[in-house]
C-alpha atoms as a PDB file:
ATOM      1  CA  MET A   1      99.674 108.749 111.196  1.00  0.00           C
ATOM      2  CA  CYS A   2     100.782 106.387 113.894  1.00  0.00           C
ATOM      3  CA  LEU A   3     102.987 108.715 115.914  1.00  0.00           C
ATOM      4  CA  LEU A   4     102.606 112.440 116.416  1.00  0.00           C
ATOM      5  CA  ALA A   5     104.576 114.713 118.742  1.00  0.00           C
ATOM      6  CA  LEU A   6     103.671 118.387 119.033  1.00  0.00           C
ATOM      7  CA  ALA A   7     104.598 121.451 121.011  1.00  0.00           C
ATOM      8  CA  TRP A   8     101.850 124.082 121.173  1.00  0.00           C
ATOM      9  CA  LYS A   9     102.761 127.576 122.356  1.00  0.00           C
ATOM     10  CA  ALA A  10     105.816 126.163 124.120  1.00  0.00           C
ATOM     11  CA  HIS A  11     108.621 127.900 122.194  1.00  0.00           C
ATOM     12  CA  PRO A  12     109.392 131.625 121.727  1.00  0.00           C
ATOM     13  CA  ARG A  13     109.815 131.317 117.950  1.00  0.00           C
ATOM     14  CA  TYR A  14     107.345 128.614 116.994  1.00  0.00           C
ATOM     15  CA  THR A  15     103.638 128.675 117.831  1.00  0.00           C
ATOM     16  CA  LEU A  16     103.463 125.029 116.708  1.00  0.00           C
ATOM     17  CA  ILE A  17     106.078 122.316 116.249  1.00  0.00           C
ATOM     18  CA  LEU A  18     104.687 119.099 114.855  1.00  0.00           C
ATOM     19  CA  ALA A  19     106.535 115.893 113.935  1.00  0.00           C
ATOM     20  CA  GLY A  20     104.902 112.670 112.943  1.00  0.00           C
ATOM     21  CA  ASN A  21     105.313 109.265 111.306  1.00  0.00           C
ATOM     22  CA  ARG A  22     102.665 107.724 109.100  1.00  0.00           C
ATOM     23  CA  ASP A  23     102.574 103.911 109.332  1.00  0.00           C
ATOM     24  CA  GLU A  24     100.602 102.036 106.686  1.00  0.00           C
ATOM     25  CA  ARG A  25     100.669  98.991 104.454  1.00  0.00           C
ATOM     26  CA  HIS A  26     103.337  99.510 101.828  1.00  0.00           C
ATOM     27  CA  ALA A  27     100.943  98.233  99.141  1.00  0.00           C
ATOM     28  CA  ARG A  28      98.433 101.033  99.772  1.00  0.00           C
ATOM     29  CA  ALA A  29      98.735 103.592  96.978  1.00  0.00           C
ATOM     30  CA  THR A  30      99.850 107.014  98.199  1.00  0.00           C
ATOM     31  CA  ALA A  31     100.793 110.320  96.613  1.00  0.00           C
ATOM     32  CA  ALA A  32     103.645 112.372  98.057  1.00  0.00           C
ATOM     33  CA  ALA A  33     102.987 115.764  99.597  1.00  0.00           C
ATOM     34  CA  GLY A  34     101.940 118.466  97.179  1.00  0.00           C
ATOM     35  CA  PHE A  35      99.241 121.024  96.438  1.00  0.00           C
ATOM     36  CA  TRP A  36      95.924 119.497  95.414  1.00  0.00           C
ATOM     37  CA  ASP A  37      94.520 120.299  91.970  1.00  0.00           C
ATOM     38  CA  GLU A  38      90.910 120.655  93.116  1.00  0.00           C
ATOM     39  CA  ALA A  39      91.870 122.526  96.303  1.00  0.00           C
ATOM     40  CA  PRO A  40      95.051 124.514  95.524  1.00  0.00           C
ATOM     41  CA  GLU A  41      95.206 125.937  99.045  1.00  0.00           C
ATOM     42  CA  VAL A  42      95.733 122.437 100.521  1.00  0.00           C
ATOM     43  CA  LEU A  43      99.246 121.035 100.892  1.00  0.00           C
ATOM     44  CA  ALA A  44      99.184 117.362 101.892  1.00  0.00           C
ATOM     45  CA  GLY A  45     100.035 113.832 100.931  1.00  0.00           C
ATOM     46  CA  ARG A  46      97.152 111.760  99.647  1.00  0.00           C
ATOM     47  CA  ASP A  47      95.727 108.296 100.137  1.00  0.00           C
ATOM     48  CA  LEU A  48      94.915 107.258  96.580  1.00  0.00           C
ATOM     49  CA  GLU A  49      92.463 104.535  97.665  1.00  0.00           C
ATOM     50  CA  ALA A  50      90.030 106.757  99.565  1.00  0.00           C
ATOM     51  CA  GLY A  51      91.180 110.217  98.501  1.00  0.00           C
ATOM     52  CA  GLY A  52      91.811 111.721 101.939  1.00  0.00           C
ATOM     53  CA  THR A  53      94.960 112.555 103.864  1.00  0.00           C
ATOM     54  CA  TRP A  54      96.572 111.743 107.197  1.00  0.00           C
ATOM     55  CA  LEU A  55      98.146 115.215 107.620  1.00  0.00           C
ATOM     56  CA  GLY A  56      97.929 118.500 105.781  1.00  0.00           C
ATOM     57  CA  LEU A  57      97.918 122.281 106.013  1.00  0.00           C
ATOM     58  CA  THR A  58      96.982 125.431 104.145  1.00  0.00           C
ATOM     59  CA  ALA A  59      98.788 128.709 103.564  1.00  0.00           C
ATOM     60  CA  ALA A  60      96.246 130.366 105.841  1.00  0.00           C
ATOM     61  CA  GLY A  61      97.625 128.336 108.723  1.00  0.00           C
ATOM     62  CA  ARG A  62      94.974 125.598 109.034  1.00  0.00           C
ATOM     63  CA  TYR A  63      96.271 122.074 109.714  1.00  0.00           C
ATOM     64  CA  ALA A  64      94.882 118.683 110.586  1.00  0.00           C
ATOM     65  CA  VAL A  65      96.189 115.248 111.570  1.00  0.00           C
ATOM     66  CA  VAL A  66      94.334 111.965 112.066  1.00  0.00           C
ATOM     67  CA  THR A  67      95.509 108.685 113.595  1.00  0.00           C
ATOM     68  CA  ASN A  68      93.704 105.378 113.741  1.00  0.00           C
ATOM     69  CA  TYR A  69      92.569 103.962 117.078  1.00  0.00           C
ATOM     70  CA  ARG A  70      93.879 100.380 117.185  1.00  0.00           C
ATOM     71  CA  GLU A  71      91.180  97.764 117.868  1.00  0.00           C
ATOM     72  CA  GLY A  72      92.608  94.337 117.046  1.00  0.00           C
ATOM     73  CA  LEU A  73      93.801  92.840 113.796  1.00  0.00           C
ATOM     74  CA  ASN A  74      90.475  92.946 111.962  1.00  0.00           C
ATOM     75  CA  PRO A  75      88.386  95.959 113.016  1.00  0.00           C
ATOM     76  CA  ALA A  76      84.959  96.365 111.482  1.00  0.00           C
ATOM     77  CA  LYS A  77      84.916  98.376 108.263  1.00  0.00           C
ATOM     78  CA  ALA A  78      83.205 101.743 108.623  1.00  0.00           C
ATOM     79  CA  PRO A  79      81.162 103.504 105.924  1.00  0.00           C
ATOM     80  CA  ARG A  80      83.274 106.663 105.913  1.00  0.00           C
ATOM     81  CA  SER A  81      87.032 107.132 105.465  1.00  0.00           C
ATOM     82  CA  ARG A  82      88.962 108.757 108.280  1.00  0.00           C
ATOM     83  CA  GLY A  83      91.125 110.593 105.779  1.00  0.00           C
ATOM     84  CA  ALA A  84      88.100 112.714 104.860  1.00  0.00           C
ATOM     85  CA  LEU A  85      88.079 114.178 108.376  1.00  0.00           C
ATOM     86  CA  THR A  86      91.352 116.030 107.775  1.00  0.00           C
ATOM     87  CA  ALA A  87      90.659 116.876 104.099  1.00  0.00           C
ATOM     88  CA  ASP A  88      87.235 118.348 104.858  1.00  0.00           C
ATOM     89  CA  PHE A  89      88.646 120.552 107.614  1.00  0.00           C
ATOM     90  CA  LEU A  90      91.449 121.863 105.391  1.00  0.00           C
ATOM     91  CA  LYS A  91      88.943 122.774 102.664  1.00  0.00           C
ATOM     92  CA  SER A  92      86.559 124.475 105.101  1.00  0.00           C
ATOM     93  CA  LYS A  93      86.609 127.924 106.680  1.00  0.00           C
ATOM     94  CA  ILE A  94      85.008 127.145 110.048  1.00  0.00           C
ATOM     95  CA  THR A  95      86.931 127.238 113.307  1.00  0.00           C
ATOM     96  CA  PRO A  96      88.606 124.120 114.715  1.00  0.00           C
ATOM     97  CA  GLU A  97      86.170 124.059 117.618  1.00  0.00           C
ATOM     98  CA  ALA A  98      83.114 124.355 115.398  1.00  0.00           C
ATOM     99  CA  TYR A  99      84.407 121.695 113.025  1.00  0.00           C
ATOM    100  CA  LEU A 100      84.885 119.103 115.742  1.00  0.00           C
ATOM    101  CA  HIS A 101      81.466 119.741 117.185  1.00  0.00           C
ATOM    102  CA  GLN A 102      80.036 119.429 113.684  1.00  0.00           C
ATOM    103  CA  ILE A 103      81.545 116.004 113.067  1.00  0.00           C
ATOM    104  CA  GLN A 104      80.822 114.719 116.581  1.00  0.00           C
ATOM    105  CA  SER A 105      77.293 113.722 115.671  1.00  0.00           C
ATOM    106  CA  ALA A 106      78.504 111.560 112.758  1.00  0.00           C
ATOM    107  CA  ALA A 107      81.603 110.201 114.504  1.00  0.00           C
ATOM    108  CA  GLY A 108      80.199 106.674 114.699  1.00  0.00           C
ATOM    109  CA  GLN A 109      80.308 106.381 110.924  1.00  0.00           C
ATOM    110  CA  TYR A 110      84.128 106.290 110.985  1.00  0.00           C
ATOM    111  CA  GLY A 111      86.537 103.683 112.272  1.00  0.00           C
ATOM    112  CA  GLY A 112      88.229 104.538 115.538  1.00  0.00           C
ATOM    113  CA  PHE A 113      90.189 107.793 115.247  1.00  0.00           C
ATOM    114  CA  SER A 114      91.919 110.600 117.049  1.00  0.00           C
ATOM    115  CA  LEU A 115      91.779 113.943 115.255  1.00  0.00           C
ATOM    116  CA  VAL A 116      93.855 117.083 115.825  1.00  0.00           C
ATOM    117  CA  VAL A 117      92.794 120.276 114.018  1.00  0.00           C
ATOM    118  CA  GLY A 118      94.033 123.789 114.433  1.00  0.00           C
ATOM    119  CA  ASP A 119      94.832 127.224 113.071  1.00  0.00           C
ATOM    120  CA  ARG A 120      97.118 130.030 114.180  1.00  0.00           C
ATOM    121  CA  ASP A 121      94.981 130.782 117.218  1.00  0.00           C
ATOM    122  CA  SER A 122      93.656 127.476 118.537  1.00  0.00           C
ATOM    123  CA  LEU A 123      94.354 123.732 118.629  1.00  0.00           C
ATOM    124  CA  TRP A 124      91.622 121.167 119.278  1.00  0.00           C
ATOM    125  CA  TYR A 125      91.328 117.416 119.713  1.00  0.00           C
ATOM    126  CA  PHE A 126      88.550 114.863 119.427  1.00  0.00           C
ATOM    127  CA  ALA A 127      88.400 111.059 119.381  1.00  0.00           C
ATOM    128  CA  ASN A 128      85.415 108.862 118.628  1.00  0.00           C
ATOM    129  CA  ARG A 129      86.555 106.497 121.339  1.00  0.00           C
ATOM    130  CA  GLY A 130      86.802 107.196 125.067  1.00  0.00           C
ATOM    131  CA  GLY A 131      83.565 109.168 125.377  1.00  0.00           C
ATOM    132  CA  ALA A 132      85.035 112.665 125.718  1.00  0.00           C
ATOM    133  CA  ALA A 133      83.744 115.752 123.945  1.00  0.00           C
ATOM    134  CA  PRO A 134      85.966 117.895 121.654  1.00  0.00           C
ATOM    135  CA  ALA A 135      88.423 119.890 123.743  1.00  0.00           C
ATOM    136  CA  PRO A 136      91.211 122.426 123.277  1.00  0.00           C
ATOM    137  CA  ILE A 137      94.765 121.165 123.603  1.00  0.00           C
ATOM    138  CA  ALA A 138      96.617 122.924 126.425  1.00  0.00           C
ATOM    139  CA  PRO A 139      99.904 124.690 125.690  1.00  0.00           C
ATOM    140  CA  GLY A 140     102.854 122.347 126.128  1.00  0.00           C
ATOM    141  CA  VAL A 141     104.224 119.125 124.702  1.00  0.00           C
ATOM    142  CA  HIS A 142     101.885 116.298 123.704  1.00  0.00           C
ATOM    143  CA  ALA A 143     102.056 113.067 121.728  1.00  0.00           C
ATOM    144  CA  LEU A 144      99.624 110.691 120.080  1.00  0.00           C
ATOM    145  CA  SER A 145      99.757 107.192 118.652  1.00  0.00           C
ATOM    146  CA  ASN A 146      96.935 104.742 117.917  1.00  0.00           C
ATOM    147  CA  HIS A 147      94.959 105.502 121.069  1.00  0.00           C
ATOM    148  CA  LEU A 148      93.968 108.708 122.875  1.00  0.00           C
ATOM    149  CA  LEU A 149      96.045 111.866 123.186  1.00  0.00           C
ATOM    150  CA  ASP A 150      98.935 111.430 125.637  1.00  0.00           C
ATOM    151  CA  THR A 151      98.147 107.771 126.375  1.00  0.00           C
ATOM    152  CA  PRO A 152     101.476 106.713 127.951  1.00  0.00           C
ATOM    153  CA  TRP A 153     102.587 104.081 125.461  1.00  0.00           C
ATOM    154  CA  PRO A 154     106.402 103.713 125.279  1.00  0.00           C
ATOM    155  CA  LYS A 155     106.669 105.374 121.853  1.00  0.00           C
ATOM    156  CA  VAL A 156     104.434 108.245 123.015  1.00  0.00           C
ATOM    157  CA  GLN A 157     106.496 108.838 126.141  1.00  0.00           C
ATOM    158  CA  ALA A 158     109.743 108.665 124.150  1.00  0.00           C
ATOM    159  CA  ALA A 159     108.469 111.157 121.584  1.00  0.00           C
ATOM    160  CA  LYS A 160     107.379 113.608 124.296  1.00  0.00           C
ATOM    161  CA  SER A 161     110.751 113.290 126.048  1.00  0.00           C
ATOM    162  CA  GLY A 162     112.627 113.720 122.790  1.00  0.00           C
ATOM    163  CA  LEU A 163     110.694 116.839 121.833  1.00  0.00           C
ATOM    164  CA  LYS A 164     111.025 118.322 125.331  1.00  0.00           C
ATOM    165  CA  LEU A 165     114.774 117.834 125.130  1.00  0.00           C
ATOM    166  CA  LEU A 166     114.944 119.717 121.843  1.00  0.00           C
ATOM    167  CA  LEU A 167     112.895 122.532 123.365  1.00  0.00           C
ATOM    168  CA  ASP A 168     114.982 122.671 126.523  1.00  0.00           C
ATOM    169  CA  THR A 169     118.233 122.829 124.528  1.00  0.00           C
ATOM    170  CA  ASP A 170     116.725 125.140 121.888  1.00  0.00           C
ATOM    171  CA  THR A 171     117.832 122.778 119.116  1.00  0.00           C
ATOM    172  CA  ILE A 172     114.648 122.696 117.067  1.00  0.00           C
ATOM    173  CA  THR A 173     115.827 121.901 113.545  1.00  0.00           C
ATOM    174  CA  SER A 174     114.470 119.746 110.781  1.00  0.00           C
ATOM    175  CA  ASP A 175     117.436 117.406 111.068  1.00  0.00           C
ATOM    176  CA  ALA A 176     116.933 116.969 114.825  1.00  0.00           C
ATOM    177  CA  LEU A 177     113.207 116.307 114.449  1.00  0.00           C
ATOM    178  CA  PHE A 178     113.768 113.815 111.627  1.00  0.00           C
ATOM    179  CA  ARG A 179     116.355 111.996 113.786  1.00  0.00           C
ATOM    180  CA  MET A 180     113.829 111.754 116.621  1.00  0.00           C
ATOM    181  CA  LEU A 181     111.297 110.206 114.263  1.00  0.00           C
ATOM    182  CA  ALA A 182     113.888 107.783 112.843  1.00  0.00           C
ATOM    183  CA  ASP A 183     114.371 105.825 116.113  1.00  0.00           C
ATOM    184  CA  ARG A 184     113.903 102.134 115.299  1.00  0.00           C
ATOM    185  CA  THR A 185     114.453 100.809 118.838  1.00  0.00           C
ATOM    186  CA  PRO A 186     111.507  98.626 119.969  1.00  0.00           C
ATOM    187  CA  ALA A 187     110.207  98.836 123.531  1.00  0.00           C
ATOM    188  CA  ASP A 188     110.747  95.963 125.945  1.00  0.00           C
ATOM    189  CA  HIS A 189     108.422  97.119 128.738  1.00  0.00           C
ATOM    190  CA  GLY A 190     105.084  98.849 129.161  1.00  0.00           C
ATOM    191  CA  LEU A 191     103.545  97.647 125.913  1.00  0.00           C
ATOM    192  CA  PRO A 192      99.786  98.034 125.506  1.00  0.00           C
ATOM    193  CA  ASP A 193      97.383  95.216 124.725  1.00  0.00           C
ATOM    194  CA  THR A 194      95.367  96.330 121.702  1.00  0.00           C
ATOM    195  CA  GLY A 195      94.359  92.876 120.529  1.00  0.00           C
ATOM    196  CA  ILE A 196      97.184  92.262 118.041  1.00  0.00           C
ATOM    197  CA  GLY A 197      99.418  89.982 120.154  1.00  0.00           C
ATOM    198  CA  ALA A 198     102.571  90.684 122.174  1.00  0.00           C
ATOM    199  CA  ASP A 199     105.007  90.011 119.322  1.00  0.00           C
ATOM    200  CA  LEU A 200     103.391  92.464 116.931  1.00  0.00           C
ATOM    201  CA  GLU A 201     102.936  95.028 119.714  1.00  0.00           C
ATOM    202  CA  ARG A 202     106.711  94.997 120.190  1.00  0.00           C
ATOM    203  CA  ARG A 203     107.511  95.074 116.469  1.00  0.00           C
ATOM    204  CA  ILE A 204     105.515  98.269 115.994  1.00  0.00           C
ATOM    205  CA  SER A 205     106.486  99.887 119.305  1.00  0.00           C
ATOM    206  CA  SER A 206     109.365 101.940 117.901  1.00  0.00           C
ATOM    207  CA  ALA A 207     108.911 105.439 116.574  1.00  0.00           C
ATOM    208  CA  PHE A 208     109.970 104.260 113.091  1.00  0.00           C
ATOM    209  CA  VAL A 209     108.444 100.916 112.115  1.00  0.00           C
ATOM    210  CA  GLN A 210     110.451  98.866 109.647  1.00  0.00           C
ATOM    211  CA  ASP A 211     108.585  95.909 108.146  1.00  0.00           C
ATOM    212  CA  PRO A 212     108.194  94.697 104.534  1.00  0.00           C
ATOM    213  CA  VAL A 213     104.389  94.637 104.760  1.00  0.00           C
ATOM    214  CA  TYR A 214     103.399  97.408 107.164  1.00  0.00           C
ATOM    215  CA  GLY A 215     105.719 100.175 108.325  1.00  0.00           C
ATOM    216  CA  THR A 216     106.599 103.844 108.324  1.00  0.00           C
ATOM    217  CA  ARG A 217     105.824 105.287 104.922  1.00  0.00           C
ATOM    218  CA  CYS A 218     106.789 108.882 105.649  1.00  0.00           C
ATOM    219  CA  SER A 219     107.946 111.312 108.340  1.00  0.00           C
ATOM    220  CA  THR A 220     106.408 114.788 108.335  1.00  0.00           C
ATOM    221  CA  LEU A 221     107.324 118.092 109.993  1.00  0.00           C
ATOM    222  CA  LEU A 222     105.336 121.268 110.393  1.00  0.00           C
ATOM    223  CA  LEU A 223     106.803 124.388 111.994  1.00  0.00           C
ATOM    224  CA  MET A 224     104.588 127.459 112.413  1.00  0.00           C
ATOM    225  CA  GLU A 225     106.508 130.592 113.307  1.00  0.00           C
ATOM    226  CA  GLU A 226     105.111 133.363 115.474  1.00  0.00           C
ATOM    227  CA  ARG A 227     105.826 135.857 112.677  1.00  0.00           C
ATOM    228  CA  GLY A 228     103.672 133.910 110.279  1.00  0.00           C
ATOM    229  CA  SER A 229     105.747 131.622 108.097  1.00  0.00           C
ATOM    230  CA  LEU A 230     105.017 127.902 107.747  1.00  0.00           C
ATOM    231  CA  ARG A 231     107.674 125.283 107.073  1.00  0.00           C
ATOM    232  CA  PHE A 232     106.588 121.818 105.964  1.00  0.00           C
ATOM    233  CA  ALA A 233     108.739 118.815 105.113  1.00  0.00           C
ATOM    234  CA  GLU A 234     107.945 115.232 104.164  1.00  0.00           C
ATOM    235  CA  ARG A 235     110.504 112.397 104.012  1.00  0.00           C
ATOM    236  CA  ARG A 236     109.320 109.221 102.300  1.00  0.00           C
ATOM    237  CA  PHE A 237     110.580 105.650 102.688  1.00  0.00           C
ATOM    238  CA  ASP A 238     110.317 102.350 100.863  1.00  0.00           C
ATOM    239  CA  ALA A 239     109.397  98.964 102.347  1.00  0.00           C
ATOM    240  CA  ALA A 240     113.026  98.390 103.404  1.00  0.00           C
ATOM    241  CA  GLY A 241     113.016 101.606 105.438  1.00  0.00           C
ATOM    242  CA  THR A 242     115.323 103.363 102.932  1.00  0.00           C
ATOM    243  CA  GLU A 243     114.806 107.070 102.373  1.00  0.00           C
ATOM    244  CA  LEU A 244     113.341 107.827  98.943  1.00  0.00           C
ATOM    245  CA  GLU A 245     113.090 111.603  98.945  1.00  0.00           C
ATOM    246  CA  THR A 246     112.532 114.652 101.155  1.00  0.00           C
ATOM    247  CA  ARG A 247     110.161 117.383 100.007  1.00  0.00           C
ATOM    248  CA  GLN A 248     110.283 120.830 101.634  1.00  0.00           C
ATOM    249  CA  PHE A 249     107.883 123.729 101.376  1.00  0.00           C
ATOM    250  CA  GLN A 250     107.719 127.198 102.888  1.00  0.00           C
ATOM    251  CA  MET A 251     104.732 129.494 102.902  1.00  0.00           C
ATOM    252  CA  GLY A 252     104.414 133.010 104.224  1.00  0.00           C
ATOM    253  CA  ASP A 253     107.111 135.498 105.209  1.00  0.00           C
ATOM    254  CA  GLY A 254     110.326 134.477 106.910  1.00  0.00           C
END
């Protein structure tokens, strides 16, 4: 994932509202969202090169999202895949807090990451950059790209503003959230310097990145209702930024 916007305990109907775009090389083999054969409780897309996932959930209300921490054009290769961080949490039974403290000691074996894990009762965050310990995410609206949680990059600020507007106007719908994620307008000011050059920083500064080599592969929504139901949707795109399909799932009552 390269952009994530979430509202935690900020809406009377939804405990969690999550909307994110996964940006990746179009050549990297990926499976669309579905239930995993070896772990039928897990609903997630899948990276077919390393076997993990960028975002997933379970019917019990566990969910996890990972984003890369951008460190130049050619970061050092790490021995472990970041996609395993989300997959291992979804397959486990331990609390979000305990899981993050468990992986903290081995965090240096992964490339730079930010990890969000949660269940119906708690939401936690940890990054292996920045030096901070695992911590709960406060109720409210937050966003994350390829840095730390709520780092004020233009796309992060725009995502937070867009989600706050939907909350304020009580217009939380799948269509509205997908439209927010579909914004292809690049930023002209306030771009970070992550070692990839000003031109590329601008080209990937929009919420939806359209590029024939590296771009937005899918947009994903997760809505957790107070009464217990979970709604999950994934919209996939080709290298031209054209929609391929939208998959929708509902679990629980409601």
